Amino acid sequence: MKETHHVRYRSPPCRLGPHLARCADARRQLRAICHHGQTVVRVRQISNGPDGLICGKLGADLTTEDGAFAAATCALALLAQAKAATGDLTKVARLVKLVGFVNSTADFTDQPKVINGASDLMVAVLGDAGRHARSAVSAVSLPLGVAVEIEAIFELV
């Protein structure tokens, strides 16, 4: 029998805002969220801050710290999507995996430090349920010129 855990959630860090944003409806042929049975939700987000898209290339236009902030905005949006899909974040048992794509120059090598922005936020909000497997890779370009794109896989209760 599978053991389930109920997770107590914390508020996101104040500099990113106190609440999860409302998700825009996906009006494309691709789904932003897919359920596999009733146990897994996959979502993907690009860096989008309070003033709009966070664009640029790490190693040229943006610092590692800028990238980590962009990754944290992706994490907030991922949590908002998970909440929209389930109706309540307490239905998320845990974060299974993050895959982070960093728009970066050929000589930029701090992709893991950039994606730490998302990983750290997930642990801050989800506690131990936010600890996850992860990949952090470089990309020559990302959609709309954004700095970071992150995909998440959540396990549901």
C-alpha atoms as a PDB file:
ATOM      1  CA  MET A   1       0.000   0.000   0.000  1.00  0.00           C
ATOM      2  CA  LYS A   2       1.324   3.409  -0.943  1.00  0.00           C
ATOM      3  CA  GLU A   3       2.005   5.751   1.949  1.00  0.00           C
ATOM      4  CA  THR A   4       0.688   9.276   1.483  1.00  0.00           C
ATOM      5  CA  HIS A   5       1.942  12.376   3.195  1.00  0.00           C
ATOM      6  CA  HIS A   6       0.168  15.625   3.812  1.00  0.00           C
ATOM      7  CA  VAL A   7       2.407  18.606   3.364  1.00  0.00           C
ATOM      8  CA  ARG A   8       2.233  21.895   5.241  1.00  0.00           C
ATOM      9  CA  TYR A   9       3.047  24.774   2.914  1.00  0.00           C
ATOM     10  CA  ARG A  10       4.917  27.959   3.640  1.00  0.00           C
ATOM     11  CA  SER A  11       4.502  31.330   1.992  1.00  0.00           C
ATOM     12  CA  PRO A  12       6.899  32.156  -0.856  1.00  0.00           C
ATOM     13  CA  PRO A  13       9.671  34.647  -0.094  1.00  0.00           C
ATOM     14  CA  CYS A  14       8.271  38.200   0.027  1.00  0.00           C
ATOM     15  CA  ARG A  15      10.453  39.592  -2.751  1.00  0.00           C
ATOM     16  CA  LEU A  16       8.626  37.292  -5.163  1.00  0.00           C
ATOM     17  CA  GLY A  17       5.200  38.176  -3.859  1.00  0.00           C
ATOM     18  CA  PRO A  18       2.999  36.743  -1.140  1.00  0.00           C
ATOM     19  CA  HIS A  19       0.587  34.795  -3.335  1.00  0.00           C
ATOM     20  CA  LEU A  20       0.643  32.446  -6.276  1.00  0.00           C
ATOM     21  CA  ALA A  21      -0.405  34.114  -9.488  1.00  0.00           C
ATOM     22  CA  ARG A  22      -3.561  33.029 -11.259  1.00  0.00           C
ATOM     23  CA  CYS A  23      -2.696  30.905 -14.279  1.00  0.00           C
ATOM     24  CA  ALA A  24      -3.676  31.950 -17.747  1.00  0.00           C
ATOM     25  CA  ASP A  25      -5.776  29.388 -19.577  1.00  0.00           C
ATOM     26  CA  ALA A  26      -3.788  27.430 -22.126  1.00  0.00           C
ATOM     27  CA  ARG A  27      -5.436  28.059 -25.488  1.00  0.00           C
ATOM     28  CA  ARG A  28      -3.018  26.058 -27.584  1.00  0.00           C
ATOM     29  CA  GLN A  29      -2.953  22.592 -29.027  1.00  0.00           C
ATOM     30  CA  LEU A  30      -0.468  21.621 -26.286  1.00  0.00           C
ATOM     31  CA  ARG A  31      -1.470  21.141 -22.692  1.00  0.00           C
ATOM     32  CA  ALA A  32       0.337  23.089 -20.020  1.00  0.00           C
ATOM     33  CA  ILE A  33      -0.607  20.370 -17.551  1.00  0.00           C
ATOM     34  CA  CYS A  34      -0.957  16.639 -18.151  1.00  0.00           C
ATOM     35  CA  HIS A  35      -2.164  14.040 -15.671  1.00  0.00           C
ATOM     36  CA  HIS A  36      -0.799  10.512 -15.818  1.00  0.00           C
ATOM     37  CA  GLY A  37      -3.485   8.608 -14.025  1.00  0.00           C
ATOM     38  CA  GLN A  38      -4.137  10.584 -10.889  1.00  0.00           C
ATOM     39  CA  THR A  39      -0.566  10.669  -9.669  1.00  0.00           C
ATOM     40  CA  VAL A  40       1.632  12.962 -11.766  1.00  0.00           C
ATOM     41  CA  VAL A  41       1.275  16.462 -13.177  1.00  0.00           C
ATOM     42  CA  ARG A  42       3.859  17.884 -15.596  1.00  0.00           C
ATOM     43  CA  VAL A  43       4.046  21.597 -16.149  1.00  0.00           C
ATOM     44  CA  ARG A  44       6.474  23.982 -17.830  1.00  0.00           C
ATOM     45  CA  GLN A  45       7.056  27.701 -17.303  1.00  0.00           C
ATOM     46  CA  ILE A  46       9.220  30.483 -18.685  1.00  0.00           C
ATOM     47  CA  SER A  47      10.698  33.277 -16.561  1.00  0.00           C
ATOM     48  CA  ASN A  48       8.108  35.976 -16.025  1.00  0.00           C
ATOM     49  CA  GLY A  49       8.451  38.545 -13.254  1.00  0.00           C
ATOM     50  CA  PRO A  50       6.244  41.324 -11.909  1.00  0.00           C
ATOM     51  CA  ASP A  51       7.291  43.597 -14.816  1.00  0.00           C
ATOM     52  CA  GLY A  52       6.889  41.004 -17.563  1.00  0.00           C
ATOM     53  CA  LEU A  53       9.120  38.427 -19.199  1.00  0.00           C
ATOM     54  CA  ILE A  54      12.650  38.125 -17.837  1.00  0.00           C
ATOM     55  CA  CYS A  55      14.705  37.982 -21.012  1.00  0.00           C
ATOM     56  CA  GLY A  56      18.405  37.819 -21.727  1.00  0.00           C
ATOM     57  CA  LYS A  57      21.368  35.527 -21.932  1.00  0.00           C
ATOM     58  CA  LEU A  58      23.332  34.415 -18.872  1.00  0.00           C
ATOM     59  CA  GLY A  59      27.000  35.206 -19.300  1.00  0.00           C
ATOM     60  CA  ALA A  60      26.228  38.194 -21.545  1.00  0.00           C
ATOM     61  CA  ASP A  61      23.193  40.230 -20.405  1.00  0.00           C
ATOM     62  CA  LEU A  62      22.432  38.700 -17.012  1.00  0.00           C
ATOM     63  CA  THR A  63      24.332  37.643 -13.889  1.00  0.00           C
ATOM     64  CA  THR A  64      23.983  34.311 -12.138  1.00  0.00           C
ATOM     65  CA  GLU A  65      21.922  36.075  -9.455  1.00  0.00           C
ATOM     66  CA  ASP A  66      19.594  37.513 -12.112  1.00  0.00           C
ATOM     67  CA  GLY A  67      19.181  34.007 -13.493  1.00  0.00           C
ATOM     68  CA  ALA A  68      18.431  32.539 -10.071  1.00  0.00           C
ATOM     69  CA  PHE A  69      15.703  35.156  -9.588  1.00  0.00           C
ATOM     70  CA  ALA A  70      14.292  34.284 -13.036  1.00  0.00           C
ATOM     71  CA  ALA A  71      14.305  30.594 -12.052  1.00  0.00           C
ATOM     72  CA  ALA A  72      12.453  31.411  -8.820  1.00  0.00           C
ATOM     73  CA  THR A  73       9.730  33.163 -10.843  1.00  0.00           C
ATOM     74  CA  CYS A  74       9.392  29.976 -12.892  1.00  0.00           C
ATOM     75  CA  ALA A  75       9.013  27.979  -9.664  1.00  0.00           C
ATOM     76  CA  LEU A  76       6.212  30.262  -8.448  1.00  0.00           C
ATOM     77  CA  ALA A  77       4.411  29.870 -11.760  1.00  0.00           C
ATOM     78  CA  LEU A  78       4.862  26.087 -11.610  1.00  0.00           C
ATOM     79  CA  LEU A  79       3.283  26.023  -8.155  1.00  0.00           C
ATOM     80  CA  ALA A  80       0.432  28.195  -9.421  1.00  0.00           C
ATOM     81  CA  GLN A  81      -0.160  25.758 -12.280  1.00  0.00           C
ATOM     82  CA  ALA A  82      -0.117  22.784  -9.923  1.00  0.00           C
ATOM     83  CA  LYS A  83      -2.639  24.560  -7.689  1.00  0.00           C
ATOM     84  CA  ALA A  84      -4.850  25.419 -10.674  1.00  0.00           C
ATOM     85  CA  ALA A  85      -4.760  21.799 -11.859  1.00  0.00           C
ATOM     86  CA  THR A  86      -5.587  20.280  -8.487  1.00  0.00           C
ATOM     87  CA  GLY A  87      -7.615  23.049  -6.856  1.00  0.00           C
ATOM     88  CA  ASP A  88      -5.406  22.971  -3.775  1.00  0.00           C
ATOM     89  CA  LEU A  89      -1.646  22.639  -3.181  1.00  0.00           C
ATOM     90  CA  THR A  90      -2.306  20.166  -0.375  1.00  0.00           C
ATOM     91  CA  LYS A  91      -3.091  17.659  -3.141  1.00  0.00           C
ATOM     92  CA  VAL A  92       0.570  17.799  -4.196  1.00  0.00           C
ATOM     93  CA  ALA A  93       2.395  14.997  -2.371  1.00  0.00           C
ATOM     94  CA  ARG A  94       5.837  16.048  -3.583  1.00  0.00           C
ATOM     95  CA  LEU A  95       7.914  17.556  -6.323  1.00  0.00           C
ATOM     96  CA  VAL A  96       9.562  14.677  -8.179  1.00  0.00           C
ATOM     97  CA  LYS A  97      11.836  16.450 -10.660  1.00  0.00           C
ATOM     98  CA  LEU A  98      12.792  19.795 -12.175  1.00  0.00           C
ATOM     99  CA  VAL A  99      14.408  20.207 -15.574  1.00  0.00           C
ATOM    100  CA  GLY A 100      15.882  23.686 -15.990  1.00  0.00           C
ATOM    101  CA  PHE A 101      16.949  25.270 -19.270  1.00  0.00           C
ATOM    102  CA  VAL A 102      19.219  28.309 -19.066  1.00  0.00           C
ATOM    103  CA  ASN A 103      19.635  30.687 -22.023  1.00  0.00           C
ATOM    104  CA  SER A 104      23.394  31.120 -21.785  1.00  0.00           C
ATOM    105  CA  THR A 105      26.607  31.802 -23.657  1.00  0.00           C
ATOM    106  CA  ALA A 106      28.924  28.949 -24.636  1.00  0.00           C
ATOM    107  CA  ASP A 107      31.372  29.794 -21.844  1.00  0.00           C
ATOM    108  CA  PHE A 108      28.769  30.181 -19.056  1.00  0.00           C
ATOM    109  CA  THR A 109      29.018  27.182 -16.690  1.00  0.00           C
ATOM    110  CA  ASP A 110      26.846  28.117 -13.697  1.00  0.00           C
ATOM    111  CA  GLN A 111      23.556  26.620 -14.941  1.00  0.00           C
ATOM    112  CA  PRO A 112      23.124  24.647 -11.690  1.00  0.00           C
ATOM    113  CA  LYS A 113      23.500  27.846  -9.628  1.00  0.00           C
ATOM    114  CA  VAL A 114      20.816  29.499 -11.760  1.00  0.00           C
ATOM    115  CA  ILE A 115      18.348  26.633 -11.331  1.00  0.00           C
ATOM    116  CA  ASN A 116      19.077  26.652  -7.585  1.00  0.00           C
ATOM    117  CA  GLY A 117      16.759  29.679  -7.534  1.00  0.00           C
ATOM    118  CA  ALA A 118      13.851  27.375  -8.371  1.00  0.00           C
ATOM    119  CA  SER A 119      15.037  24.476  -6.225  1.00  0.00           C
ATOM    120  CA  ASP A 120      15.510  26.671  -3.167  1.00  0.00           C
ATOM    121  CA  LEU A 121      12.059  28.222  -3.580  1.00  0.00           C
ATOM    122  CA  MET A 122      10.398  24.806  -3.932  1.00  0.00           C
ATOM    123  CA  VAL A 123      11.974  23.634  -0.673  1.00  0.00           C
ATOM    124  CA  ALA A 124      11.078  26.932   1.020  1.00  0.00           C
ATOM    125  CA  VAL A 125       7.408  26.541   0.039  1.00  0.00           C
ATOM    126  CA  LEU A 126       6.934  22.746   0.072  1.00  0.00           C
ATOM    127  CA  GLY A 127       9.402  21.777   2.816  1.00  0.00           C
ATOM    128  CA  ASP A 128      10.787  18.252   2.493  1.00  0.00           C
ATOM    129  CA  ALA A 129       8.181  17.531  -0.207  1.00  0.00           C
ATOM    130  CA  GLY A 130      10.024  20.110  -2.324  1.00  0.00           C
ATOM    131  CA  ARG A 131      13.309  18.137  -2.392  1.00  0.00           C
ATOM    132  CA  HIS A 132      13.655  16.691  -5.871  1.00  0.00           C
ATOM    133  CA  ALA A 133      15.816  15.262  -8.639  1.00  0.00           C
ATOM    134  CA  ARG A 134      17.013  17.873 -11.111  1.00  0.00           C
ATOM    135  CA  SER A 135      18.736  18.631 -14.389  1.00  0.00           C
ATOM    136  CA  ALA A 136      20.177  22.034 -15.318  1.00  0.00           C
ATOM    137  CA  VAL A 137      21.233  22.495 -18.928  1.00  0.00           C
ATOM    138  CA  SER A 138      22.365  25.268 -21.234  1.00  0.00           C
ATOM    139  CA  ALA A 139      20.317  26.388 -24.219  1.00  0.00           C
ATOM    140  CA  VAL A 140      21.432  28.532 -27.135  1.00  0.00           C
ATOM    141  CA  SER A 141      17.993  30.144 -27.174  1.00  0.00           C
ATOM    142  CA  LEU A 142      14.669  29.862 -25.353  1.00  0.00           C
ATOM    143  CA  PRO A 143      11.127  30.878 -26.390  1.00  0.00           C
ATOM    144  CA  LEU A 144      10.599  34.641 -26.590  1.00  0.00           C
ATOM    145  CA  GLY A 145      14.231  35.208 -25.569  1.00  0.00           C
ATOM    146  CA  VAL A 146      13.545  34.373 -21.902  1.00  0.00           C
ATOM    147  CA  ALA A 147      16.419  33.670 -19.544  1.00  0.00           C
ATOM    148  CA  VAL A 148      15.063  30.463 -17.978  1.00  0.00           C
ATOM    149  CA  GLU A 149      12.505  27.767 -18.695  1.00  0.00           C
ATOM    150  CA  ILE A 150      11.700  25.046 -16.170  1.00  0.00           C
ATOM    151  CA  GLU A 151       9.643  21.880 -16.351  1.00  0.00           C
ATOM    152  CA  ALA A 152       8.357  20.165 -13.203  1.00  0.00           C
ATOM    153  CA  ILE A 153       6.877  16.790 -12.388  1.00  0.00           C
ATOM    154  CA  PHE A 154       4.675  16.671  -9.273  1.00  0.00           C
ATOM    155  CA  GLU A 155       3.285  13.599  -7.535  1.00  0.00           C
ATOM    156  CA  LEU A 156      -0.300  14.021  -6.356  1.00  0.00           C
ATOM    157  CA  VAL A 157      -1.943  12.608  -3.251  1.00  0.00           C
END
